[in-house]
Amino acid sequence: MNFFNLNADFARNLSGGAVVASVIALLIVLKFASSLVTKLLLIAVCCLVGYIGFTQRDSLNACIEVVTAQASTGSPIQETCTLLGQNVRVKIPSLPSEG
């Protein structure tokens, strides 16, 4: 049962947004946190969120390229794209008809 059904383009934007949000949160933490330990812990959390968002976006882009290549050759699609362990739908652009 899939409770989290996303389009691949939205998922790609979502993971990119996670990277940007982690950078903004990092800047806010550096500005307003007063304790060194708090700063270090929050910096680690922000870096972890940014890293996960970046790697998920990279693997999703690679999967989308594979699916698009399979669809353009006319072969059946064998690949399932995921984001954080959840299946993501890949919308295949309509191919121009020959003739």
C-alpha atoms as a PDB file:
ATOM      1  CA  MET A   1       0.000   0.000   0.000  1.00  0.00           C
ATOM      2  CA  ASN A   2       1.514   3.284  -1.109  1.00  0.00           C
ATOM      3  CA  PHE A   3       0.440   6.273   0.992  1.00  0.00           C
ATOM      4  CA  PHE A   4       3.013   8.627  -0.467  1.00  0.00           C
ATOM      5  CA  ASN A   5       2.481   8.922  -4.217  1.00  0.00           C
ATOM      6  CA  LEU A   6       4.530  11.637  -5.923  1.00  0.00           C
ATOM      7  CA  ASN A   7       5.270  12.708  -9.428  1.00  0.00           C
ATOM      8  CA  ALA A   8       9.000  12.483 -10.237  1.00  0.00           C
ATOM      9  CA  ASP A   9       9.334  16.178 -11.082  1.00  0.00           C
ATOM     10  CA  PHE A  10       7.678  17.209  -7.819  1.00  0.00           C
ATOM     11  CA  ALA A  11       9.879  14.763  -5.896  1.00  0.00           C
ATOM     12  CA  ARG A  12      12.993  16.201  -7.553  1.00  0.00           C
ATOM     13  CA  ASN A  13      11.914  19.724  -6.570  1.00  0.00           C
ATOM     14  CA  LEU A  14      11.084  18.543  -3.064  1.00  0.00           C
ATOM     15  CA  SER A  15      14.553  17.089  -2.533  1.00  0.00           C
ATOM     16  CA  GLY A  16      16.155  20.231  -3.935  1.00  0.00           C
ATOM     17  CA  GLY A  17      14.014  22.262  -1.561  1.00  0.00           C
ATOM     18  CA  ALA A  18      15.287  20.148   1.329  1.00  0.00           C
ATOM     19  CA  VAL A  19      18.861  21.105   0.428  1.00  0.00           C
ATOM     20  CA  VAL A  20      17.992  24.808   0.244  1.00  0.00           C
ATOM     21  CA  ALA A  21      15.980  24.656   3.480  1.00  0.00           C
ATOM     22  CA  SER A  22      18.870  22.996   5.292  1.00  0.00           C
ATOM     23  CA  VAL A  23      21.240  25.772   4.199  1.00  0.00           C
ATOM     24  CA  ILE A  24      18.784  28.450   5.360  1.00  0.00           C
ATOM     25  CA  ALA A  25      18.246  26.620   8.660  1.00  0.00           C
ATOM     26  CA  LEU A  26      22.020  26.359   9.061  1.00  0.00           C
ATOM     27  CA  LEU A  27      22.398  30.120   8.690  1.00  0.00           C
ATOM     28  CA  ILE A  28      19.607  30.737  11.201  1.00  0.00           C
ATOM     29  CA  VAL A  29      21.205  28.331  13.683  1.00  0.00           C
ATOM     30  CA  LEU A  30      24.567  30.035  13.376  1.00  0.00           C
ATOM     31  CA  LYS A  31      22.950  33.422  13.968  1.00  0.00           C
ATOM     32  CA  PHE A  32      20.639  32.674  16.896  1.00  0.00           C
ATOM     33  CA  ALA A  33      21.890  29.610  18.807  1.00  0.00           C
ATOM     34  CA  SER A  34      23.941  30.659  21.792  1.00  0.00           C
ATOM     35  CA  SER A  35      25.406  27.401  23.115  1.00  0.00           C
ATOM     36  CA  LEU A  36      28.280  25.805  21.239  1.00  0.00           C
ATOM     37  CA  VAL A  37      26.884  22.308  21.805  1.00  0.00           C
ATOM     38  CA  THR A  38      23.485  23.377  20.464  1.00  0.00           C
ATOM     39  CA  LYS A  39      25.127  24.924  17.423  1.00  0.00           C
ATOM     40  CA  LEU A  40      27.139  21.771  16.721  1.00  0.00           C
ATOM     41  CA  LEU A  41      24.113  19.480  17.070  1.00  0.00           C
ATOM     42  CA  LEU A  42      21.906  21.651  14.876  1.00  0.00           C
ATOM     43  CA  ILE A  43      24.678  22.043  12.297  1.00  0.00           C
ATOM     44  CA  ALA A  44      24.976  18.244  12.168  1.00  0.00           C
ATOM     45  CA  VAL A  45      21.217  17.892  11.668  1.00  0.00           C
ATOM     46  CA  CYS A  46      21.180  20.524   8.903  1.00  0.00           C
ATOM     47  CA  CYS A  47      24.125  18.886   7.154  1.00  0.00           C
ATOM     48  CA  LEU A  48      22.451  15.481   7.386  1.00  0.00           C
ATOM     49  CA  VAL A  49      19.197  16.780   5.885  1.00  0.00           C
ATOM     50  CA  GLY A  50      21.112  18.497   3.084  1.00  0.00           C
ATOM     51  CA  TYR A  51      23.158  15.374   2.360  1.00  0.00           C
ATOM     52  CA  ILE A  52      20.098  13.124   2.263  1.00  0.00           C
ATOM     53  CA  GLY A  53      18.246  15.563  -0.001  1.00  0.00           C
ATOM     54  CA  PHE A  54      21.220  15.831  -2.359  1.00  0.00           C
ATOM     55  CA  THR A  55      21.837  12.082  -2.640  1.00  0.00           C
ATOM     56  CA  GLN A  56      18.137  11.306  -3.078  1.00  0.00           C
ATOM     57  CA  ARG A  57      17.889  13.929  -5.820  1.00  0.00           C
ATOM     58  CA  ASP A  58      20.942  12.487  -7.554  1.00  0.00           C
ATOM     59  CA  SER A  59      19.628   8.913  -7.490  1.00  0.00           C
ATOM     60  CA  LEU A  60      16.174  10.082  -8.617  1.00  0.00           C
ATOM     61  CA  ASN A  61      17.703  11.946 -11.584  1.00  0.00           C
ATOM     62  CA  ALA A  62      19.643   8.823 -12.586  1.00  0.00           C
ATOM     63  CA  CYS A  63      16.489   6.701 -12.352  1.00  0.00           C
ATOM     64  CA  ILE A  64      14.489   9.186 -14.444  1.00  0.00           C
ATOM     65  CA  GLU A  65      17.168   9.081 -17.150  1.00  0.00           C
ATOM     66  CA  VAL A  66      17.039   5.264 -17.231  1.00  0.00           C
ATOM     67  CA  VAL A  67      13.238   5.227 -17.454  1.00  0.00           C
ATOM     68  CA  THR A  68      13.230   7.867 -20.181  1.00  0.00           C
ATOM     69  CA  ALA A  69      15.848   5.935 -22.166  1.00  0.00           C
ATOM     70  CA  GLN A  70      13.840   2.710 -21.838  1.00  0.00           C
ATOM     71  CA  ALA A  71      10.658   4.476 -22.951  1.00  0.00           C
ATOM     72  CA  SER A  72      12.338   6.099 -25.954  1.00  0.00           C
ATOM     73  CA  THR A  73      13.569   2.734 -27.243  1.00  0.00           C
ATOM     74  CA  GLY A  74      10.094   1.252 -26.876  1.00  0.00           C
ATOM     75  CA  SER A  75      11.186  -1.449 -24.461  1.00  0.00           C
ATOM     76  CA  PRO A  76       9.066  -2.129 -21.377  1.00  0.00           C
ATOM     77  CA  ILE A  77      10.035  -0.083 -18.350  1.00  0.00           C
ATOM     78  CA  GLN A  78      11.929  -2.240 -15.856  1.00  0.00           C
ATOM     79  CA  GLU A  79      12.935   0.483 -13.401  1.00  0.00           C
ATOM     80  CA  THR A  80      11.098   1.672 -10.278  1.00  0.00           C
ATOM     81  CA  CYS A  81      12.115   5.097  -8.989  1.00  0.00           C
ATOM     82  CA  THR A  82      12.074   5.782  -5.272  1.00  0.00           C
ATOM     83  CA  LEU A  83      12.482   8.774  -2.976  1.00  0.00           C
ATOM     84  CA  LEU A  84      13.209   7.942   0.662  1.00  0.00           C
ATOM     85  CA  GLY A  85      12.001   4.394   0.075  1.00  0.00           C
ATOM     86  CA  GLN A  86       8.683   5.416  -1.487  1.00  0.00           C
ATOM     87  CA  ASN A  87       7.764   4.724  -5.110  1.00  0.00           C
ATOM     88  CA  VAL A  88       7.639   7.730  -7.393  1.00  0.00           C
ATOM     89  CA  ARG A  89       5.689   7.924 -10.653  1.00  0.00           C
ATOM     90  CA  VAL A  90       7.729   8.978 -13.676  1.00  0.00           C
ATOM     91  CA  LYS A  91       5.737  10.868 -16.266  1.00  0.00           C
ATOM     92  CA  ILE A  92       7.102   9.952 -19.689  1.00  0.00           C
ATOM     93  CA  PRO A  93       6.908  12.816 -22.192  1.00  0.00           C
ATOM     94  CA  SER A  94       4.982  11.897 -25.297  1.00  0.00           C
ATOM     95  CA  LEU A  95       7.309  10.887 -28.074  1.00  0.00           C
ATOM     96  CA  PRO A  96       6.884  12.524 -31.479  1.00  0.00           C
ATOM     97  CA  SER A  97       5.150  10.205 -33.914  1.00  0.00           C
ATOM     98  CA  GLU A  98       7.030   9.317 -37.053  1.00  0.00           C
ATOM     99  CA  GLY A  99       5.158   9.545 -40.250  1.00  0.00           C
END
